[in-house]
Amino acid sequence: MDEPDPLIPLLPPDLLWHPDGEIRLAGHRIGLYHFVLYYNEGYTAEMLLGQFPTLDLALIHRVIAFYRTHSKEVDAYILRYRSELDQYRATGTHAPGPADLRSRLARTHPAGSA
């Protein structure tokens, strides 16, 4: 997301807003978006630990508590995030593949140049 989210001032130390617009669990690349999706599918804290084994159970419980306390704000963030993902999918904007990356690298660093 391009603009800072209104949820940011509410974030506890366990959740960090990343400049790319995603809210992530501190010290991890796991986004709040995916965490909440699994939680809302009925995953228990222990099941979330199985899904995200780099997390510890105490962190999972703290993030769940934050979500339950601020569900209205988090759900609004989830809707905005999903909308942005849908826009990217609709426009066909995808990351470049390996062949395109090699081609770009070859253009910027021709063979024999150091």
C-alpha atoms as a PDB file:
ATOM      1  CA  MET A   1       0.000   0.000   0.000  1.00  0.00           C
ATOM      2  CA  ASP A   2       1.317   3.398  -0.922  1.00  0.00           C
ATOM      3  CA  GLU A   3       0.205   5.419   2.103  1.00  0.00           C
ATOM      4  CA  PRO A   4       0.795   4.652   5.757  1.00  0.00           C
ATOM      5  CA  ASP A   5      -2.166   2.779   7.136  1.00  0.00           C
ATOM      6  CA  PRO A   6      -4.372   4.247   9.906  1.00  0.00           C
ATOM      7  CA  LEU A   7      -3.706   1.029  11.850  1.00  0.00           C
ATOM      8  CA  ILE A   8      -0.026   1.960  12.335  1.00  0.00           C
ATOM      9  CA  PRO A   9      -0.458   4.074  15.511  1.00  0.00           C
ATOM     10  CA  LEU A  10      -2.208   1.123  17.183  1.00  0.00           C
ATOM     11  CA  LEU A  11       0.544  -1.415  16.478  1.00  0.00           C
ATOM     12  CA  PRO A  12       2.214  -3.076  19.444  1.00  0.00           C
ATOM     13  CA  PRO A  13       5.964  -3.830  19.383  1.00  0.00           C
ATOM     14  CA  ASP A  14       5.162  -7.287  17.971  1.00  0.00           C
ATOM     15  CA  LEU A  15       3.867  -5.780  14.707  1.00  0.00           C
ATOM     16  CA  LEU A  16       5.767  -3.414  12.448  1.00  0.00           C
ATOM     17  CA  TRP A  17       4.721  -1.386   9.436  1.00  0.00           C
ATOM     18  CA  HIS A  18       7.169  -1.978   6.603  1.00  0.00           C
ATOM     19  CA  PRO A  19       7.761   0.882   4.126  1.00  0.00           C
ATOM     20  CA  ASP A  20       6.431  -1.356   1.325  1.00  0.00           C
ATOM     21  CA  GLY A  21       3.023  -0.927   2.975  1.00  0.00           C
ATOM     22  CA  GLU A  22       2.750  -4.274   4.691  1.00  0.00           C
ATOM     23  CA  ILE A  23       2.342  -4.853   8.403  1.00  0.00           C
ATOM     24  CA  ARG A  24       4.589  -7.727   9.490  1.00  0.00           C
ATOM     25  CA  LEU A  25       5.303  -9.646  12.636  1.00  0.00           C
ATOM     26  CA  ALA A  26       8.452  -8.158  14.181  1.00  0.00           C
ATOM     27  CA  GLY A  27      11.580 -10.057  13.231  1.00  0.00           C
ATOM     28  CA  HIS A  28       9.782 -12.068  10.540  1.00  0.00           C
ATOM     29  CA  ARG A  29       8.660 -11.702   6.956  1.00  0.00           C
ATOM     30  CA  ILE A  30       5.217 -12.968   7.912  1.00  0.00           C
ATOM     31  CA  GLY A  31       2.535 -10.411   7.168  1.00  0.00           C
ATOM     32  CA  LEU A  32      -0.418  -9.651   9.384  1.00  0.00           C
ATOM     33  CA  TYR A  33      -2.607 -10.180   6.313  1.00  0.00           C
ATOM     34  CA  HIS A  34      -1.698 -13.866   5.987  1.00  0.00           C
ATOM     35  CA  PHE A  35      -1.651 -14.450   9.730  1.00  0.00           C
ATOM     36  CA  VAL A  36      -5.205 -13.122  10.070  1.00  0.00           C
ATOM     37  CA  LEU A  37      -6.422 -15.050   7.015  1.00  0.00           C
ATOM     38  CA  TYR A  38      -5.370 -18.327   8.626  1.00  0.00           C
ATOM     39  CA  TYR A  39      -6.766 -17.280  11.995  1.00  0.00           C
ATOM     40  CA  ASN A  40     -10.121 -16.426  10.420  1.00  0.00           C
ATOM     41  CA  GLU A  41     -10.131 -19.813   8.673  1.00  0.00           C
ATOM     42  CA  GLY A  42     -10.247 -21.345  12.136  1.00  0.00           C
ATOM     43  CA  TYR A  43      -6.577 -21.996  12.815  1.00  0.00           C
ATOM     44  CA  THR A  44      -5.828 -22.241  16.515  1.00  0.00           C
ATOM     45  CA  ALA A  45      -2.635 -20.799  17.995  1.00  0.00           C
ATOM     46  CA  GLU A  46      -1.041 -24.247  17.788  1.00  0.00           C
ATOM     47  CA  MET A  47      -2.106 -24.646  14.157  1.00  0.00           C
ATOM     48  CA  LEU A  48      -0.652 -21.208  13.376  1.00  0.00           C
ATOM     49  CA  LEU A  49       2.597 -22.386  14.953  1.00  0.00           C
ATOM     50  CA  GLY A  50       2.550 -25.331  12.534  1.00  0.00           C
ATOM     51  CA  GLN A  51       1.915 -22.960   9.624  1.00  0.00           C
ATOM     52  CA  PHE A  52       4.571 -20.473  10.772  1.00  0.00           C
ATOM     53  CA  PRO A  53       7.190 -22.545  12.638  1.00  0.00           C
ATOM     54  CA  THR A  54       9.614 -19.615  13.018  1.00  0.00           C
ATOM     55  CA  LEU A  55       7.169 -17.908  15.385  1.00  0.00           C
ATOM     56  CA  ASP A  56       6.921 -18.724  19.049  1.00  0.00           C
ATOM     57  CA  LEU A  57       3.603 -19.478  20.691  1.00  0.00           C
ATOM     58  CA  ALA A  58       3.746 -16.430  22.966  1.00  0.00           C
ATOM     59  CA  LEU A  59       4.070 -14.116  19.931  1.00  0.00           C
ATOM     60  CA  ILE A  60       1.175 -15.874  18.226  1.00  0.00           C
ATOM     61  CA  HIS A  61      -1.008 -15.349  21.289  1.00  0.00           C
ATOM     62  CA  ARG A  62      -0.042 -11.659  21.492  1.00  0.00           C
ATOM     63  CA  VAL A  63      -0.882 -11.080  17.810  1.00  0.00           C
ATOM     64  CA  ILE A  64      -4.206 -12.889  18.227  1.00  0.00           C
ATOM     65  CA  ALA A  65      -4.975 -10.724  21.274  1.00  0.00           C
ATOM     66  CA  PHE A  66      -4.134  -7.595  19.285  1.00  0.00           C
ATOM     67  CA  TYR A  67      -6.385  -8.735  16.452  1.00  0.00           C
ATOM     68  CA  ARG A  68      -9.269  -9.506  18.789  1.00  0.00           C
ATOM     69  CA  THR A  69      -8.903  -6.105  20.469  1.00  0.00           C
ATOM     70  CA  HIS A  70      -8.641  -4.193  17.174  1.00  0.00           C
ATOM     71  CA  SER A  71     -10.562  -6.465  14.813  1.00  0.00           C
ATOM     72  CA  LYS A  72     -12.460  -3.613  13.167  1.00  0.00           C
ATOM     73  CA  GLU A  73      -9.258  -1.764  12.243  1.00  0.00           C
ATOM     74  CA  VAL A  74      -7.377  -4.924  11.249  1.00  0.00           C
ATOM     75  CA  ASP A  75     -10.280  -6.161   9.126  1.00  0.00           C
ATOM     76  CA  ALA A  76     -10.322  -2.793   7.320  1.00  0.00           C
ATOM     77  CA  TYR A  77      -6.564  -3.168   6.682  1.00  0.00           C
ATOM     78  CA  ILE A  78      -7.150  -6.707   5.378  1.00  0.00           C
ATOM     79  CA  LEU A  79      -9.814  -5.432   2.954  1.00  0.00           C
ATOM     80  CA  ARG A  80      -7.522  -2.660   1.661  1.00  0.00           C
ATOM     81  CA  TYR A  81      -4.632  -5.091   1.309  1.00  0.00           C
ATOM     82  CA  ARG A  82      -6.792  -7.642  -0.546  1.00  0.00           C
ATOM     83  CA  SER A  83      -8.113  -4.904  -2.832  1.00  0.00           C
ATOM     84  CA  GLU A  84      -4.584  -3.909  -3.746  1.00  0.00           C
ATOM     85  CA  LEU A  85      -3.643  -7.540  -4.416  1.00  0.00           C
ATOM     86  CA  ASP A  86      -6.702  -7.903  -6.644  1.00  0.00           C
ATOM     87  CA  GLN A  87      -5.677  -4.786  -8.593  1.00  0.00           C
ATOM     88  CA  TYR A  88      -2.203  -6.203  -9.204  1.00  0.00           C
ATOM     89  CA  ARG A  89      -3.681  -9.499 -10.352  1.00  0.00           C
ATOM     90  CA  ALA A  90      -6.167  -7.739 -12.653  1.00  0.00           C
ATOM     91  CA  THR A  91      -3.481  -5.682 -14.374  1.00  0.00           C
ATOM     92  CA  GLY A  92      -1.288  -8.715 -14.874  1.00  0.00           C
ATOM     93  CA  THR A  93       1.582  -6.985 -13.104  1.00  0.00           C
ATOM     94  CA  HIS A  94       3.933  -9.748 -12.073  1.00  0.00           C
ATOM     95  CA  ALA A  95       7.510  -9.990 -10.981  1.00  0.00           C
ATOM     96  CA  PRO A  96       9.956 -10.614 -13.810  1.00  0.00           C
ATOM     97  CA  GLY A  97      10.911 -14.224 -14.453  1.00  0.00           C
ATOM     98  CA  PRO A  98      14.449 -15.628 -14.352  1.00  0.00           C
ATOM     99  CA  ALA A  99      15.006 -15.184 -18.105  1.00  0.00           C
ATOM    100  CA  ASP A 100      13.973 -11.522 -17.949  1.00  0.00           C
ATOM    101  CA  LEU A 101      16.223 -10.913 -14.956  1.00  0.00           C
ATOM    102  CA  ARG A 102      19.203 -12.496 -16.771  1.00  0.00           C
ATOM    103  CA  SER A 103      18.486 -10.354 -19.823  1.00  0.00           C
ATOM    104  CA  ARG A 104      18.348  -7.185 -17.723  1.00  0.00           C
ATOM    105  CA  LEU A 105      21.576  -8.131 -15.964  1.00  0.00           C
ATOM    106  CA  ALA A 106      23.302  -8.794 -19.297  1.00  0.00           C
ATOM    107  CA  ARG A 107      22.218  -5.365 -20.598  1.00  0.00           C
ATOM    108  CA  THR A 108      23.497  -3.536 -17.534  1.00  0.00           C
ATOM    109  CA  HIS A 109      26.689  -5.575 -17.117  1.00  0.00           C
ATOM    110  CA  PRO A 110      27.891  -6.737 -20.579  1.00  0.00           C
ATOM    111  CA  ALA A 111      30.266  -9.690 -20.683  1.00  0.00           C
ATOM    112  CA  GLY A 112      33.852  -8.660 -20.166  1.00  0.00           C
ATOM    113  CA  SER A 113      33.035  -5.504 -18.190  1.00  0.00           C
ATOM    114  CA  ALA A 114      33.982  -5.394 -14.551  1.00  0.00           C
END
